[in-house]
Amino acid sequence: PLARLMEGLTGASTLAAVSYGTEAGLYQAAGIDAIICGPGDIASAHRADEFIRLDELIACEEMILRLAETLRD
């Protein structure tokens, strides 16, 4: 249900797995549903010159606002 909610909020399809490490696996191992969601491209992350494009940041803000609206209802 969490993945479907995020698909509806972002318009993006979910992936079953990613090729980089996060804490999501630890949460899932503890029985807590977890997803990875955020702005940017992993190809430009965790580098000396990492960045997030402005349009990606705006899309993230809009998704967070839609999430807040959904949870408020």
PDB file of N, CA and C in Angstrom:
ATOM      1  N   PRO A   1       0.814  -1.225   0.000  1.00  0.00           N
ATOM      2  CA  PRO A   1       0.000   0.000   0.000  1.00  0.00           C
ATOM      3  C   PRO A   1       0.850   1.279   0.000  1.00  0.00           C
ATOM      4  N   LEU A   2       1.972   1.240   0.691  1.00  0.00           N
ATOM      5  CA  LEU A   2       2.847   2.413   0.746  1.00  0.00           C
ATOM      6  C   LEU A   2       3.421   2.727  -0.638  1.00  0.00           C
ATOM      7  N   ALA A   3       3.844   1.693  -1.349  1.00  0.00           N
ATOM      8  CA  ALA A   3       4.389   1.901  -2.698  1.00  0.00           C
ATOM      9  C   ALA A   3       3.313   2.442  -3.628  1.00  0.00           C
ATOM     10  N   ARG A   4       2.105   1.927  -3.528  1.00  0.00           N
ATOM     11  CA  ARG A   4       1.004   2.403  -4.382  1.00  0.00           C
ATOM     12  C   ARG A   4       0.675   3.862  -4.073  1.00  0.00           C
ATOM     13  N   LEU A   5       0.705   4.229  -2.803  1.00  0.00           N
ATOM     14  CA  LEU A   5       0.470   5.617  -2.416  1.00  0.00           C
ATOM     15  C   LEU A   5       1.506   6.526  -3.068  1.00  0.00           C
ATOM     16  N   MET A   6       2.785   6.141  -2.989  1.00  0.00           N
ATOM     17  CA  MET A   6       3.838   6.971  -3.563  1.00  0.00           C
ATOM     18  C   MET A   6       3.741   7.023  -5.084  1.00  0.00           C
ATOM     19  N   GLU A   7       3.348   5.926  -5.715  1.00  0.00           N
ATOM     20  CA  GLU A   7       3.139   5.949  -7.164  1.00  0.00           C
ATOM     21  C   GLU A   7       2.072   6.981  -7.524  1.00  0.00           C
ATOM     22  N   GLY A   8       0.995   7.008  -6.745  1.00  0.00           N
ATOM     23  CA  GLY A   8      -0.069   7.967  -6.998  1.00  0.00           C
ATOM     24  C   GLY A   8       0.371   9.405  -6.778  1.00  0.00           C
ATOM     25  N   LEU A   9       1.214   9.622  -5.799  1.00  0.00           N
ATOM     26  CA  LEU A   9       1.669  10.978  -5.494  1.00  0.00           C
ATOM     27  C   LEU A   9       2.723  11.484  -6.468  1.00  0.00           C
ATOM     28  N   THR A  10       3.548  10.566  -6.994  1.00  0.00           N
ATOM     29  CA  THR A  10       4.652  10.989  -7.847  1.00  0.00           C
ATOM     30  C   THR A  10       4.413  10.745  -9.331  1.00  0.00           C
ATOM     31  N   GLY A  11       3.545   9.802  -9.644  1.00  0.00           N
ATOM     32  CA  GLY A  11       3.347   9.418 -11.039  1.00  0.00           C
ATOM     33  C   GLY A  11       4.455   8.525 -11.559  1.00  0.00           C
ATOM     34  N   ALA A  12       5.376   8.120 -10.702  1.00  0.00           N
ATOM     35  CA  ALA A  12       6.490   7.254 -11.093  1.00  0.00           C
ATOM     36  C   ALA A  12       6.203   5.816 -10.684  1.00  0.00           C
ATOM     37  N   SER A  13       6.681   4.887 -11.473  1.00  0.00           N
ATOM     38  CA  SER A  13       6.542   3.475 -11.138  1.00  0.00           C
ATOM     39  C   SER A  13       7.564   3.099 -10.069  1.00  0.00           C
ATOM     40  N   THR A  14       7.198   2.138  -9.241  1.00  0.00           N
ATOM     41  CA  THR A  14       8.130   1.685  -8.215  1.00  0.00           C
ATOM     42  C   THR A  14       9.063   0.627  -8.782  1.00  0.00           C
ATOM     43  N   LEU A  15      10.209   0.494  -8.151  1.00  0.00           N
ATOM     44  CA  LEU A  15      11.175  -0.544  -8.486  1.00  0.00           C
ATOM     45  C   LEU A  15      11.198  -1.541  -7.344  1.00  0.00           C
ATOM     46  N   ALA A  16      11.406  -2.798  -7.643  1.00  0.00           N
ATOM     47  CA  ALA A  16      11.452  -3.821  -6.594  1.00  0.00           C
ATOM     48  C   ALA A  16      12.717  -3.708  -5.752  1.00  0.00           C
ATOM     49  N   ALA A  17      13.798  -3.252  -6.374  1.00  0.00           N
ATOM     50  CA  ALA A  17      15.070  -3.155  -5.664  1.00  0.00           C
ATOM     51  C   ALA A  17      15.946  -2.104  -6.347  1.00  0.00           C
ATOM     52  N   VAL A  18      16.934  -1.634  -5.615  1.00  0.00           N
ATOM     53  CA  VAL A  18      17.907  -0.694  -6.172  1.00  0.00           C
ATOM     54  C   VAL A  18      19.304  -1.258  -5.941  1.00  0.00           C
ATOM     55  N   SER A  19      20.270  -0.759  -6.686  1.00  0.00           N
ATOM     56  CA  SER A  19      21.627  -1.302  -6.607  1.00  0.00           C
ATOM     57  C   SER A  19      22.537  -0.482  -5.694  1.00  0.00           C
ATOM     58  N   TYR A  20      21.982   0.151  -4.709  1.00  0.00           N
ATOM     59  CA  TYR A  20      22.789   0.893  -3.747  1.00  0.00           C
ATOM     60  C   TYR A  20      22.223   0.668  -2.354  1.00  0.00           C
ATOM     61  N   GLY A  21      23.020   0.919  -1.344  1.00  0.00           N
ATOM     62  CA  GLY A  21      22.630   0.620   0.019  1.00  0.00           C
ATOM     63  C   GLY A  21      21.869   1.743   0.692  1.00  0.00           C
ATOM     64  N   THR A  22      20.856   1.371   1.457  1.00  0.00           N
ATOM     65  CA  THR A  22      20.122   2.300   2.317  1.00  0.00           C
ATOM     66  C   THR A  22      19.759   1.551   3.596  1.00  0.00           C
ATOM     67  N   GLU A  23      19.161   2.249   4.519  1.00  0.00           N
ATOM     68  CA  GLU A  23      18.701   1.618   5.751  1.00  0.00           C
ATOM     69  C   GLU A  23      17.351   0.920   5.574  1.00  0.00           C
ATOM     70  N   ALA A  24      16.723   1.044   4.402  1.00  0.00           N
ATOM     71  CA  ALA A  24      15.401   0.457   4.178  1.00  0.00           C
ATOM     72  C   ALA A  24      15.400  -1.046   4.451  1.00  0.00           C
ATOM     73  N   GLY A  25      16.469  -1.728   4.075  1.00  0.00           N
ATOM     74  CA  GLY A  25      16.553  -3.170   4.326  1.00  0.00           C
ATOM     75  C   GLY A  25      16.523  -3.504   5.804  1.00  0.00           C
ATOM     76  N   LEU A  26      17.109  -2.656   6.629  1.00  0.00           N
ATOM     77  CA  LEU A  26      17.083  -2.881   8.083  1.00  0.00           C
ATOM     78  C   LEU A  26      15.667  -2.749   8.621  1.00  0.00           C
ATOM     79  N   TYR A  27      14.944  -1.736   8.137  1.00  0.00           N
ATOM     80  CA  TYR A  27      13.558  -1.572   8.554  1.00  0.00           C
ATOM     81  C   TYR A  27      12.714  -2.758   8.119  1.00  0.00           C
ATOM     82  N   GLN A  28      12.892  -3.182   6.872  1.00  0.00           N
ATOM     83  CA  GLN A  28      12.121  -4.317   6.365  1.00  0.00           C
ATOM     84  C   GLN A  28      12.429  -5.578   7.160  1.00  0.00           C
ATOM     85  N   ALA A  29      13.681  -5.791   7.526  1.00  0.00           N
ATOM     86  CA  ALA A  29      14.056  -6.954   8.324  1.00  0.00           C
ATOM     87  C   ALA A  29      13.391  -6.928   9.694  1.00  0.00           C
ATOM     88  N   ALA A  30      13.088  -5.727  10.185  1.00  0.00           N
ATOM     89  CA  ALA A  30      12.418  -5.573  11.479  1.00  0.00           C
ATOM     90  C   ALA A  30      10.899  -5.622  11.339  1.00  0.00           C
ATOM     91  N   GLY A  31      10.414  -5.860  10.104  1.00  0.00           N
ATOM     92  CA  GLY A  31       8.970  -5.952   9.889  1.00  0.00           C
ATOM     93  C   GLY A  31       8.285  -4.621   9.645  1.00  0.00           C
ATOM     94  N   ILE A  32       9.072  -3.585   9.336  1.00  0.00           N
ATOM     95  CA  ILE A  32       8.525  -2.247   9.088  1.00  0.00           C
ATOM     96  C   ILE A  32       8.585  -1.976   7.588  1.00  0.00           C
ATOM     97  N   ASP A  33       7.435  -1.665   6.986  1.00  0.00           N
ATOM     98  CA  ASP A  33       7.432  -1.327   5.564  1.00  0.00           C
ATOM     99  C   ASP A  33       8.324  -0.113   5.338  1.00  0.00           C
ATOM    100  N   ALA A  34       9.103  -0.147   4.269  1.00  0.00           N
ATOM    101  CA  ALA A  34      10.018   0.952   3.967  1.00  0.00           C
ATOM    102  C   ALA A  34      10.138   1.126   2.462  1.00  0.00           C
ATOM    103  N   ILE A  35      10.258   2.372   2.047  1.00  0.00           N
ATOM    104  CA  ILE A  35      10.529   2.691   0.653  1.00  0.00           C
ATOM    105  C   ILE A  35      11.625   3.739   0.606  1.00  0.00           C
ATOM    106  N   ILE A  36      12.233   3.875  -0.565  1.00  0.00           N
ATOM    107  CA  ILE A  36      13.247   4.905  -0.802  1.00  0.00           C
ATOM    108  C   ILE A  36      12.636   5.886  -1.787  1.00  0.00           C
ATOM    109  N   CYS A  37      12.554   7.128  -1.398  1.00  0.00           N
ATOM    110  CA  CYS A  37      11.924   8.129  -2.247  1.00  0.00           C
ATOM    111  C   CYS A  37      12.597   9.471  -2.004  1.00  0.00           C
ATOM    112  N   GLY A  38      12.967  10.134  -3.084  1.00  0.00           N
ATOM    113  CA  GLY A  38      13.576  11.442  -2.911  1.00  0.00           C
ATOM    114  C   GLY A  38      14.043  12.021  -4.218  1.00  0.00           C
ATOM    115  N   PRO A  39      14.465  13.271  -4.182  1.00  0.00           N
ATOM    116  CA  PRO A  39      14.895  13.943  -5.404  1.00  0.00           C
ATOM    117  C   PRO A  39      16.297  13.521  -5.795  1.00  0.00           C
ATOM    118  N   GLY A  40      16.619  13.777  -7.033  1.00  0.00           N
ATOM    119  CA  GLY A  40      17.979  13.572  -7.494  1.00  0.00           C
ATOM    120  C   GLY A  40      18.172  12.261  -8.228  1.00  0.00           C
ATOM    121  N   ASP A  41      19.372  12.076  -8.682  1.00  0.00           N
ATOM    122  CA  ASP A  41      19.769  10.908  -9.443  1.00  0.00           C
ATOM    123  C   ASP A  41      20.946  10.278  -8.710  1.00  0.00           C
ATOM    124  N   ILE A  42      20.873   8.974  -8.460  1.00  0.00           N
ATOM    125  CA  ILE A  42      21.942   8.315  -7.718  1.00  0.00           C
ATOM    126  C   ILE A  42      23.292   8.472  -8.420  1.00  0.00           C
ATOM    127  N   ALA A  43      23.279   8.675  -9.727  1.00  0.00           N
ATOM    128  CA  ALA A  43      24.538   8.855 -10.468  1.00  0.00           C
ATOM    129  C   ALA A  43      25.267  10.140 -10.063  1.00  0.00           C
ATOM    130  N   SER A  44      24.538  11.120  -9.529  1.00  0.00           N
ATOM    131  CA  SER A  44      25.192  12.372  -9.124  1.00  0.00           C
ATOM    132  C   SER A  44      25.242  12.527  -7.605  1.00  0.00           C
ATOM    133  N   ALA A  45      24.880  11.482  -6.888  1.00  0.00           N
ATOM    134  CA  ALA A  45      24.851  11.563  -5.418  1.00  0.00           C
ATOM    135  C   ALA A  45      26.148  11.040  -4.803  1.00  0.00           C
ATOM    136  N   HIS A  46      26.415  11.491  -3.598  1.00  0.00           N
ATOM    137  CA  HIS A  46      27.544  11.005  -2.792  1.00  0.00           C
ATOM    138  C   HIS A  46      28.883  11.165  -3.496  1.00  0.00           C
ATOM    139  N   ARG A  47      29.056  12.317  -4.102  1.00  0.00           N
ATOM    140  CA  ARG A  47      30.314  12.667  -4.767  1.00  0.00           C
ATOM    141  C   ARG A  47      30.703  14.071  -4.313  1.00  0.00           C
ATOM    142  N   ALA A  48      31.914  14.421  -4.570  1.00  0.00           N
ATOM    143  CA  ALA A  48      32.386  15.748  -4.159  1.00  0.00           C
ATOM    144  C   ALA A  48      31.552  16.858  -4.785  1.00  0.00           C
ATOM    145  N   ASP A  49      31.064  16.642  -5.989  1.00  0.00           N
ATOM    146  CA  ASP A  49      30.275  17.670  -6.670  1.00  0.00           C
ATOM    147  C   ASP A  49      28.808  17.263  -6.811  1.00  0.00           C
ATOM    148  N   GLU A  50      28.289  16.514  -5.822  1.00  0.00           N
ATOM    149  CA  GLU A  50      26.895  16.058  -5.926  1.00  0.00           C
ATOM    150  C   GLU A  50      25.936  17.245  -6.010  1.00  0.00           C
ATOM    151  N   PHE A  51      24.790  17.006  -6.618  1.00  0.00           N
ATOM    152  CA  PHE A  51      23.823  18.091  -6.778  1.00  0.00           C
ATOM    153  C   PHE A  51      22.428  17.511  -7.002  1.00  0.00           C
ATOM    154  N   ILE A  52      21.428  18.337  -6.804  1.00  0.00           N
ATOM    155  CA  ILE A  52      20.039  18.047  -7.141  1.00  0.00           C
ATOM    156  C   ILE A  52      19.577  19.200  -8.014  1.00  0.00           C
ATOM    157  N   ARG A  53      19.035  18.875  -9.181  1.00  0.00           N
ATOM    158  CA  ARG A  53      18.538  19.926 -10.067  1.00  0.00           C
ATOM    159  C   ARG A  53      17.336  20.612  -9.421  1.00  0.00           C
ATOM    160  N   LEU A  54      17.151  21.878  -9.734  1.00  0.00           N
ATOM    161  CA  LEU A  54      16.056  22.661  -9.167  1.00  0.00           C
ATOM    162  C   LEU A  54      14.704  22.038  -9.497  1.00  0.00           C
ATOM    163  N   ASP A  55      14.492  21.559 -10.714  1.00  0.00           N
ATOM    164  CA  ASP A  55      13.203  20.957 -11.062  1.00  0.00           C
ATOM    165  C   ASP A  55      12.937  19.692 -10.251  1.00  0.00           C
ATOM    166  N   GLU A  56      13.992  18.937  -9.914  1.00  0.00           N
ATOM    167  CA  GLU A  56      13.829  17.746  -9.077  1.00  0.00           C
ATOM    168  C   GLU A  56      13.446  18.145  -7.646  1.00  0.00           C
ATOM    169  N   LEU A  57      14.055  19.193  -7.155  1.00  0.00           N
ATOM    170  CA  LEU A  57      13.750  19.676  -5.812  1.00  0.00           C
ATOM    171  C   LEU A  57      12.313  20.194  -5.731  1.00  0.00           C
ATOM    172  N   ILE A  58      11.876  20.899  -6.760  1.00  0.00           N
ATOM    173  CA  ILE A  58      10.496  21.400  -6.809  1.00  0.00           C
ATOM    174  C   ILE A  58       9.510  20.235  -6.867  1.00  0.00           C
ATOM    175  N   ALA A  59       9.807  19.217  -7.667  1.00  0.00           N
ATOM    176  CA  ALA A  59       8.940  18.037  -7.755  1.00  0.00           C
ATOM    177  C   ALA A  59       8.851  17.339  -6.402  1.00  0.00           C
ATOM    178  N   CYS A  60       9.948  17.279  -5.676  1.00  0.00           N
ATOM    179  CA  CYS A  60       9.953  16.665  -4.347  1.00  0.00           C
ATOM    180  C   CYS A  60       9.076  17.467  -3.382  1.00  0.00           C
ATOM    181  N   GLU A  61       9.218  18.770  -3.421  1.00  0.00           N
ATOM    182  CA  GLU A  61       8.395  19.620  -2.557  1.00  0.00           C
ATOM    183  C   GLU A  61       6.910  19.418  -2.864  1.00  0.00           C
ATOM    184  N   GLU A  62       6.566  19.359  -4.140  1.00  0.00           N
ATOM    185  CA  GLU A  62       5.169  19.160  -4.529  1.00  0.00           C
ATOM    186  C   GLU A  62       4.647  17.805  -4.051  1.00  0.00           C
ATOM    187  N   MET A  63       5.488  16.768  -4.141  1.00  0.00           N
ATOM    188  CA  MET A  63       5.097  15.450  -3.656  1.00  0.00           C
ATOM    189  C   MET A  63       4.865  15.469  -2.152  1.00  0.00           C
ATOM    190  N   ILE A  64       5.714  16.135  -1.412  1.00  0.00           N
ATOM    191  CA  ILE A  64       5.559  16.210   0.044  1.00  0.00           C
ATOM    192  C   ILE A  64       4.269  16.949   0.395  1.00  0.00           C
ATOM    193  N   LEU A  65       3.966  18.006  -0.321  1.00  0.00           N
ATOM    194  CA  LEU A  65       2.712  18.731  -0.075  1.00  0.00           C
ATOM    195  C   LEU A  65       1.498  17.860  -0.385  1.00  0.00           C
ATOM    196  N   ARG A  66       1.549  17.077  -1.494  1.00  0.00           N
ATOM    197  CA  ARG A  66       0.447  16.158  -1.813  1.00  0.00           C
ATOM    198  C   ARG A  66       0.323  15.077  -0.750  1.00  0.00           C
ATOM    199  N   LEU A  67       1.442  14.592  -0.235  1.00  0.00           N
ATOM    200  CA  LEU A  67       1.427  13.584   0.819  1.00  0.00           C
ATOM    201  C   LEU A  67       0.761  14.154   2.070  1.00  0.00           C
ATOM    202  N   ALA A  68       1.141  15.362   2.461  1.00  0.00           N
ATOM    203  CA  ALA A  68       0.545  15.994   3.636  1.00  0.00           C
ATOM    204  C   ALA A  68      -0.958  16.155   3.458  1.00  0.00           C
ATOM    205  N   GLU A  69      -1.379  16.558   2.269  1.00  0.00           N
ATOM    206  CA  GLU A  69      -2.811  16.717   1.979  1.00  0.00           C
ATOM    207  C   GLU A  69      -3.527  15.376   2.084  1.00  0.00           C
ATOM    208  N   THR A  70      -2.920  14.335   1.550  1.00  0.00           N
ATOM    209  CA  THR A  70      -3.519  12.991   1.593  1.00  0.00           C
ATOM    210  C   THR A  70      -3.655  12.508   3.024  1.00  0.00           C
ATOM    211  N   LEU A  71      -2.631  12.700   3.830  1.00  0.00           N
ATOM    212  CA  LEU A  71      -2.665  12.231   5.209  1.00  0.00           C
ATOM    213  C   LEU A  71      -3.611  13.046   6.078  1.00  0.00           C
ATOM    214  N   ARG A  72      -3.823  14.285   5.686  1.00  0.00           N
ATOM    215  CA  ARG A  72      -4.727  15.146   6.444  1.00  0.00           C
ATOM    216  C   ARG A  72      -6.177  14.720   6.258  1.00  0.00           C
ATOM    217  N   ASP A  73      -6.488  14.208   5.058  1.00  0.00           N
ATOM    218  CA  ASP A  73      -7.873  13.792   4.738  1.00  0.00           C
ATOM    219  C   ASP A  73      -8.291  12.590   5.453  1.00  0.00           C
TER     220      ASP A  73
END
